[in-house]
Amino acid sequence: MRKIKYWRLLEKWKKCYNNTMITWDSIYNLLGIKNFIYFITSPGVQDMLFPMKLVFVAFAVFFFCAVMYFYINSSYVQYQFLQDIVEFFSWQPYGIREINKRWKKIMTKVDSGAESDYNLAIIEADDFLQQILDEKGYEGKTFEELINNAGRNILPNFQEILGFHNVRNSIVHNPNYKLELEEAKKILSVLEKAIKNASIR
C-alpha cells in the first residue's frame, strides 16, 4: 500500500512539474522571437554566417594578443603585480634593493678617507637624488626648482638639502674648497635618507 501511494504521489508531482516547467519555446513565444530564433539557428543560415564567424574570431584573437603584448611590455605589471610580490617577500619597498646597491658603491669612496674620493661621493649622491626626483615626475629646470617642487611631503629637510647642493657646487667649481671627512659623512647621511624617502613615494 505504501508503495502504491508513493508512486501515485510521484506521478502527480511529475504532472505538476511538466505543467509548470518553463521551456525555451515558452520563453521565445513570450518574447515573440520564436520564428526569428528558428531562422537564425537553421543550418542554411549558419553555413552563410560561417565566414563571418571566422572573421570575428580572427579579430578577437588579434586584439587579445595585442592587449596581452602591451600589458606585458608596459610598466603596469611591474608596478601593480611584480611590485607587490617583491615587497611581500623582501619586506622592503620596491626598488630599494637597487638603491642600496648603488648607495654602497658611493659610500666605498668615503671609506678610503681621501678628500678627492669623498668629494666625488657627495657629487654622485647629489646627482642620484636629482635622478630619483626626475624619475618620479617632478619638474624643474634647476636643482633648486626640482627640490622645491618635490616639497616638504617628499623632502621634509629640503632647505638643508639645498645647502648641501651648494657644497656640491663649491666642490665642482672651486678647486680650493676644503671639506672635512666628518662633514662629508653628515651630508651623505642626510642625502641617503632623502634618496630613499623620495624613491618610495
C-alpha atoms as a PDB file:
ATOM      1  CA  MET A   1       0.000   0.000   0.000  1.00  0.00           C
ATOM      2  CA  ARG A   2       2.763   2.382   0.881  1.00  0.00           C
ATOM      3  CA  LYS A   3       4.493   1.735  -2.475  1.00  0.00           C
ATOM      4  CA  ILE A   4       1.249   2.441  -4.389  1.00  0.00           C
ATOM      5  CA  LYS A   5       0.744   5.713  -2.509  1.00  0.00           C
ATOM      6  CA  TYR A   6       4.365   6.657  -3.166  1.00  0.00           C
ATOM      7  CA  TRP A   7       4.066   6.079  -6.931  1.00  0.00           C
ATOM      8  CA  ARG A   8       0.791   7.994  -7.105  1.00  0.00           C
ATOM      9  CA  LEU A   9       2.393  10.952  -5.365  1.00  0.00           C
ATOM     10  CA  LEU A  10       5.367  10.745  -7.719  1.00  0.00           C
ATOM     11  CA  GLU A  11       3.092  10.742 -10.791  1.00  0.00           C
ATOM     12  CA  LYS A  12       1.191  13.764  -9.503  1.00  0.00           C
ATOM     13  CA  TRP A  13       4.470  15.619  -8.886  1.00  0.00           C
ATOM     14  CA  LYS A  14       5.662  14.871 -12.446  1.00  0.00           C
ATOM     15  CA  LYS A  15       2.391  16.178 -13.927  1.00  0.00           C
ATOM     16  CA  CYS A  16       2.633  19.397 -11.887  1.00  0.00           C
ATOM     17  CA  TYR A  17       6.287  19.803 -12.873  1.00  0.00           C
ATOM     18  CA  ASN A  18       5.547  19.292 -16.579  1.00  0.00           C
ATOM     19  CA  ASN A  19       2.695  21.780 -16.432  1.00  0.00           C
ATOM     20  CA  THR A  20       4.733  24.469 -14.709  1.00  0.00           C
ATOM     21  CA  MET A  21       8.135  23.810 -16.335  1.00  0.00           C
ATOM     22  CA  ILE A  22       9.479  26.773 -18.318  1.00  0.00           C
ATOM     23  CA  THR A  23      10.970  25.825 -21.689  1.00  0.00           C
ATOM     24  CA  TRP A  24      12.920  27.826 -24.240  1.00  0.00           C
ATOM     25  CA  ASP A  25       9.943  27.592 -26.571  1.00  0.00           C
ATOM     26  CA  SER A  26       7.708  29.246 -23.993  1.00  0.00           C
ATOM     27  CA  ILE A  27      10.275  31.998 -23.496  1.00  0.00           C
ATOM     28  CA  TYR A  28      10.608  32.573 -27.246  1.00  0.00           C
ATOM     29  CA  ASN A  29       6.801  32.699 -27.577  1.00  0.00           C
ATOM     30  CA  LEU A  30       6.579  35.146 -24.709  1.00  0.00           C
ATOM     31  CA  LEU A  31       9.140  37.452 -26.347  1.00  0.00           C
ATOM     32  CA  GLY A  32       7.706  36.955 -29.832  1.00  0.00           C
ATOM     33  CA  ILE A  33      11.036  35.870 -31.322  1.00  0.00           C
ATOM     34  CA  LYS A  34      10.416  32.167 -31.839  1.00  0.00           C
ATOM     35  CA  ASN A  35      10.382  32.334 -35.643  1.00  0.00           C
ATOM     36  CA  PHE A  36      13.480  34.537 -35.705  1.00  0.00           C
ATOM     37  CA  ILE A  37      15.422  32.181 -33.413  1.00  0.00           C
ATOM     38  CA  TYR A  38      14.498  29.184 -35.507  1.00  0.00           C
ATOM     39  CA  PHE A  39      15.503  31.065 -38.647  1.00  0.00           C
ATOM     40  CA  ILE A  40      18.854  32.291 -37.372  1.00  0.00           C
ATOM     41  CA  THR A  41      19.787  28.857 -35.982  1.00  0.00           C
ATOM     42  CA  SER A  42      18.827  26.967 -39.120  1.00  0.00           C
ATOM     43  CA  PRO A  43      21.686  25.060 -40.828  1.00  0.00           C
ATOM     44  CA  GLY A  44      21.431  27.106 -44.030  1.00  0.00           C
ATOM     45  CA  VAL A  45      21.792  30.441 -42.273  1.00  0.00           C
ATOM     46  CA  GLN A  46      24.604  29.093 -40.077  1.00  0.00           C
ATOM     47  CA  ASP A  47      26.507  27.993 -43.189  1.00  0.00           C
ATOM     48  CA  MET A  48      26.137  31.510 -44.619  1.00  0.00           C
ATOM     49  CA  LEU A  49      27.349  33.081 -41.368  1.00  0.00           C
ATOM     50  CA  PHE A  50      30.344  30.750 -41.009  1.00  0.00           C
ATOM     51  CA  PRO A  51      32.826  33.041 -42.889  1.00  0.00           C
ATOM     52  CA  MET A  52      31.738  35.983 -40.739  1.00  0.00           C
ATOM     53  CA  LYS A  53      32.305  33.899 -37.625  1.00  0.00           C
ATOM     54  CA  LEU A  54      35.846  33.163 -38.762  1.00  0.00           C
ATOM     55  CA  VAL A  55      36.492  36.883 -39.309  1.00  0.00           C
ATOM     56  CA  PHE A  56      35.197  37.780 -35.845  1.00  0.00           C
ATOM     57  CA  VAL A  57      37.242  35.009 -34.239  1.00  0.00           C
ATOM     58  CA  ALA A  58      40.366  36.242 -36.061  1.00  0.00           C
ATOM     59  CA  PHE A  59      39.748  39.813 -34.853  1.00  0.00           C
ATOM     60  CA  ALA A  60      39.149  38.580 -31.306  1.00  0.00           C
ATOM     61  CA  VAL A  61      42.407  36.609 -31.291  1.00  0.00           C
ATOM     62  CA  PHE A  62      44.313  39.566 -32.763  1.00  0.00           C
ATOM     63  CA  PHE A  63      43.021  42.065 -30.222  1.00  0.00           C
ATOM     64  CA  PHE A  64      43.560  39.622 -27.367  1.00  0.00           C
ATOM     65  CA  CYS A  65      47.195  39.116 -28.412  1.00  0.00           C
ATOM     66  CA  ALA A  66      47.669  42.886 -28.815  1.00  0.00           C
ATOM     67  CA  VAL A  67      46.242  43.562 -25.356  1.00  0.00           C
ATOM     68  CA  MET A  68      48.443  40.896 -23.765  1.00  0.00           C
ATOM     69  CA  TYR A  69      51.533  42.210 -25.580  1.00  0.00           C
ATOM     70  CA  PHE A  70      51.066  45.787 -24.398  1.00  0.00           C
ATOM     71  CA  TYR A  71      50.048  44.551 -20.957  1.00  0.00           C
ATOM     72  CA  ILE A  72      53.237  42.529 -20.504  1.00  0.00           C
ATOM     73  CA  ASN A  73      55.564  45.127 -22.052  1.00  0.00           C
ATOM     74  CA  SER A  74      54.140  48.053 -20.112  1.00  0.00           C
ATOM     75  CA  SER A  75      55.064  49.074 -16.587  1.00  0.00           C
ATOM     76  CA  TYR A  76      51.605  48.090 -15.340  1.00  0.00           C
ATOM     77  CA  VAL A  77      52.618  44.536 -14.489  1.00  0.00           C
ATOM     78  CA  GLN A  78      55.827  45.745 -12.922  1.00  0.00           C
ATOM     79  CA  TYR A  79      54.184  48.269 -10.641  1.00  0.00           C
ATOM     80  CA  GLN A  80      50.863  46.554  -9.978  1.00  0.00           C
ATOM     81  CA  PHE A  81      51.864  42.905  -9.782  1.00  0.00           C
ATOM     82  CA  LEU A  82      55.606  42.353  -9.507  1.00  0.00           C
ATOM     83  CA  GLN A  83      55.954  45.256  -7.087  1.00  0.00           C
ATOM     84  CA  ASP A  84      53.567  43.660  -4.591  1.00  0.00           C
ATOM     85  CA  ILE A  85      55.315  40.293  -4.847  1.00  0.00           C
ATOM     86  CA  VAL A  86      58.778  41.772  -4.314  1.00  0.00           C
ATOM     87  CA  GLU A  87      57.642  43.880  -1.370  1.00  0.00           C
ATOM     88  CA  PHE A  88      55.881  40.889   0.215  1.00  0.00           C
ATOM     89  CA  PHE A  89      58.864  38.530   0.078  1.00  0.00           C
ATOM     90  CA  SER A  90      61.643  41.057   0.726  1.00  0.00           C
ATOM     91  CA  TRP A  91      59.860  43.093   3.420  1.00  0.00           C
ATOM     92  CA  GLN A  92      61.275  46.177   1.682  1.00  0.00           C
ATOM     93  CA  PRO A  93      59.790  48.847  -0.589  1.00  0.00           C
ATOM     94  CA  TYR A  94      60.037  48.024  -4.282  1.00  0.00           C
ATOM     95  CA  GLY A  95      63.311  49.177  -5.831  1.00  0.00           C
ATOM     96  CA  ILE A  96      65.084  49.802  -2.523  1.00  0.00           C
ATOM     97  CA  ARG A  97      67.474  46.932  -3.182  1.00  0.00           C
ATOM     98  CA  GLU A  98      68.871  48.593  -6.300  1.00  0.00           C
ATOM     99  CA  ILE A  99      69.110  51.888  -4.444  1.00  0.00           C
ATOM    100  CA  ASN A 100      71.036  50.258  -1.584  1.00  0.00           C
ATOM    101  CA  LYS A 101      73.379  48.620  -4.070  1.00  0.00           C
ATOM    102  CA  ARG A 102      74.154  51.903  -5.791  1.00  0.00           C
ATOM    103  CA  TRP A 103      74.488  53.697  -2.466  1.00  0.00           C
ATOM    104  CA  LYS A 104      77.078  51.187  -1.254  1.00  0.00           C
ATOM    105  CA  LYS A 105      79.191  51.971  -4.314  1.00  0.00           C
ATOM    106  CA  ILE A 106      79.006  55.656  -3.438  1.00  0.00           C
ATOM    107  CA  MET A 107      79.990  55.024   0.186  1.00  0.00           C
ATOM    108  CA  THR A 108      83.043  52.955  -0.784  1.00  0.00           C
ATOM    109  CA  LYS A 109      84.607  56.233  -1.862  1.00  0.00           C
ATOM    110  CA  VAL A 110      84.201  57.558   1.676  1.00  0.00           C
ATOM    111  CA  ASP A 111      85.880  54.527   3.218  1.00  0.00           C
ATOM    112  CA  SER A 112      89.183  55.443   1.616  1.00  0.00           C
ATOM    113  CA  GLY A 113      89.296  58.684   3.638  1.00  0.00           C
ATOM    114  CA  ALA A 114      90.769  60.596   0.717  1.00  0.00           C
ATOM    115  CA  GLU A 115      89.290  64.055   0.233  1.00  0.00           C
ATOM    116  CA  SER A 116      89.015  63.665  -3.530  1.00  0.00           C
ATOM    117  CA  ASP A 117      87.069  60.422  -3.059  1.00  0.00           C
ATOM    118  CA  TYR A 118      84.511  61.655  -0.539  1.00  0.00           C
ATOM    119  CA  ASN A 119      84.078  64.855  -2.531  1.00  0.00           C
ATOM    120  CA  LEU A 120      83.238  62.680  -5.517  1.00  0.00           C
ATOM    121  CA  ALA A 121      80.820  60.704  -3.314  1.00  0.00           C
ATOM    122  CA  ILE A 122      78.908  63.896  -2.485  1.00  0.00           C
ATOM    123  CA  ILE A 123      78.695  64.832  -6.173  1.00  0.00           C
ATOM    124  CA  GLU A 124      77.363  61.382  -7.073  1.00  0.00           C
ATOM    125  CA  ALA A 125      74.868  61.377  -4.187  1.00  0.00           C
ATOM    126  CA  ASP A 126      73.560  64.792  -5.218  1.00  0.00           C
ATOM    127  CA  ASP A 127      73.168  63.590  -8.807  1.00  0.00           C
ATOM    128  CA  PHE A 128      71.494  60.401  -7.561  1.00  0.00           C
ATOM    129  CA  LEU A 129      68.858  62.397  -5.679  1.00  0.00           C
ATOM    130  CA  GLN A 130      68.186  64.532  -8.745  1.00  0.00           C
ATOM    131  CA  GLN A 131      67.773  61.387 -10.867  1.00  0.00           C
ATOM    132  CA  ILE A 132      65.271  59.882  -8.407  1.00  0.00           C
ATOM    133  CA  LEU A 133      63.167  63.044  -8.405  1.00  0.00           C
ATOM    134  CA  ASP A 134      63.257  63.190 -12.210  1.00  0.00           C
ATOM    135  CA  GLU A 135      62.070  59.582 -12.419  1.00  0.00           C
ATOM    136  CA  LYS A 136      59.227  60.357 -10.009  1.00  0.00           C
ATOM    137  CA  GLY A 137      57.977  63.030 -12.404  1.00  0.00           C
ATOM    138  CA  TYR A 138      58.945  66.182 -10.545  1.00  0.00           C
ATOM    139  CA  GLU A 139      59.792  69.068 -12.830  1.00  0.00           C
ATOM    140  CA  GLY A 140      62.366  71.798 -12.575  1.00  0.00           C
ATOM    141  CA  LYS A 141      64.952  73.415 -14.804  1.00  0.00           C
ATOM    142  CA  THR A 142      67.373  73.681 -11.886  1.00  0.00           C
ATOM    143  CA  PHE A 143      68.101  71.534  -8.858  1.00  0.00           C
ATOM    144  CA  GLU A 144      66.521  74.194  -6.636  1.00  0.00           C
ATOM    145  CA  GLU A 145      63.257  74.125  -8.616  1.00  0.00           C
ATOM    146  CA  LEU A 146      63.224  70.340  -8.532  1.00  0.00           C
ATOM    147  CA  ILE A 147      63.630  70.246  -4.745  1.00  0.00           C
ATOM    148  CA  ASN A 148      61.007  72.949  -4.196  1.00  0.00           C
ATOM    149  CA  ASN A 149      58.520  71.143  -6.432  1.00  0.00           C
ATOM    150  CA  ALA A 150      59.075  67.916  -4.510  1.00  0.00           C
ATOM    151  CA  GLY A 151      58.087  69.848  -1.395  1.00  0.00           C
ATOM    152  CA  ARG A 152      58.059  69.003   2.272  1.00  0.00           C
ATOM    153  CA  ASN A 153      55.944  65.863   1.834  1.00  0.00           C
ATOM    154  CA  ILE A 154      58.816  64.187  -0.017  1.00  0.00           C
ATOM    155  CA  LEU A 155      61.787  66.026   1.463  1.00  0.00           C
ATOM    156  CA  PRO A 156      60.975  67.469   4.905  1.00  0.00           C
ATOM    157  CA  ASN A 157      64.509  68.918   5.194  1.00  0.00           C
ATOM    158  CA  PHE A 158      64.653  70.323   1.663  1.00  0.00           C
ATOM    159  CA  GLN A 159      66.263  73.574   2.842  1.00  0.00           C
ATOM    160  CA  GLU A 160      69.161  71.601   4.283  1.00  0.00           C
ATOM    161  CA  ILE A 161      69.440  69.630   1.043  1.00  0.00           C
ATOM    162  CA  LEU A 162      69.632  72.875  -0.933  1.00  0.00           C
ATOM    163  CA  GLY A 163      72.507  73.922   1.335  1.00  0.00           C
ATOM    164  CA  PHE A 164      74.293  70.649   0.635  1.00  0.00           C
ATOM    165  CA  HIS A 165      73.785  71.239  -3.080  1.00  0.00           C
ATOM    166  CA  ASN A 166      75.712  74.482  -2.671  1.00  0.00           C
ATOM    167  CA  VAL A 167      78.507  72.444  -1.076  1.00  0.00           C
ATOM    168  CA  ARG A 168      78.429  70.171  -4.108  1.00  0.00           C
ATOM    169  CA  ASN A 169      78.725  73.203  -6.418  1.00  0.00           C
ATOM    170  CA  SER A 170      81.648  74.520  -4.384  1.00  0.00           C
ATOM    171  CA  ILE A 171      83.422  71.181  -4.772  1.00  0.00           C
ATOM    172  CA  VAL A 172      82.889  71.246  -8.533  1.00  0.00           C
ATOM    173  CA  HIS A 173      83.671  74.899  -9.237  1.00  0.00           C
ATOM    174  CA  ASN A 174      86.145  75.868  -6.503  1.00  0.00           C
ATOM    175  CA  PRO A 175      89.397  73.879  -6.581  1.00  0.00           C
ATOM    176  CA  ASN A 176      90.461  75.447  -3.260  1.00  0.00           C
ATOM    177  CA  TYR A 177      87.315  74.376  -1.418  1.00  0.00           C
ATOM    178  CA  LYS A 178      88.066  72.147   1.585  1.00  0.00           C
ATOM    179  CA  LEU A 179      85.628  69.752   3.201  1.00  0.00           C
ATOM    180  CA  GLU A 180      86.290  67.683   6.304  1.00  0.00           C
ATOM    181  CA  LEU A 181      85.518  63.961   6.300  1.00  0.00           C
ATOM    182  CA  GLU A 182      83.053  64.176   9.194  1.00  0.00           C
ATOM    183  CA  GLU A 183      81.102  66.928   7.456  1.00  0.00           C
ATOM    184  CA  ALA A 184      81.045  64.847   4.270  1.00  0.00           C
ATOM    185  CA  LYS A 185      79.636  61.868   6.196  1.00  0.00           C
ATOM    186  CA  LYS A 186      76.935  64.079   7.691  1.00  0.00           C
ATOM    187  CA  ILE A 187      75.946  65.377   4.259  1.00  0.00           C
ATOM    188  CA  LEU A 188      75.869  61.870   2.804  1.00  0.00           C
ATOM    189  CA  SER A 189      73.736  60.608   5.690  1.00  0.00           C
ATOM    190  CA  VAL A 190      71.096  63.272   5.023  1.00  0.00           C
ATOM    191  CA  LEU A 191      71.208  62.655   1.270  1.00  0.00           C
ATOM    192  CA  GLU A 192      70.807  58.909   1.790  1.00  0.00           C
ATOM    193  CA  LYS A 193      67.612  59.431   3.790  1.00  0.00           C
ATOM    194  CA  ALA A 194      66.316  61.868   1.190  1.00  0.00           C
ATOM    195  CA  ILE A 195      67.019  59.463  -1.680  1.00  0.00           C
ATOM    196  CA  LYS A 196      65.312  56.517  -0.008  1.00  0.00           C
ATOM    197  CA  ASN A 197      62.386  58.638   1.137  1.00  0.00           C
ATOM    198  CA  ALA A 198      61.862  60.037  -2.364  1.00  0.00           C
ATOM    199  CA  SER A 199      62.206  56.648  -4.033  1.00  0.00           C
ATOM    200  CA  ILE A 200      59.319  55.032  -2.130  1.00  0.00           C
ATOM    201  CA  ARG A 201      56.837  57.907  -2.558  1.00  0.00           C
END
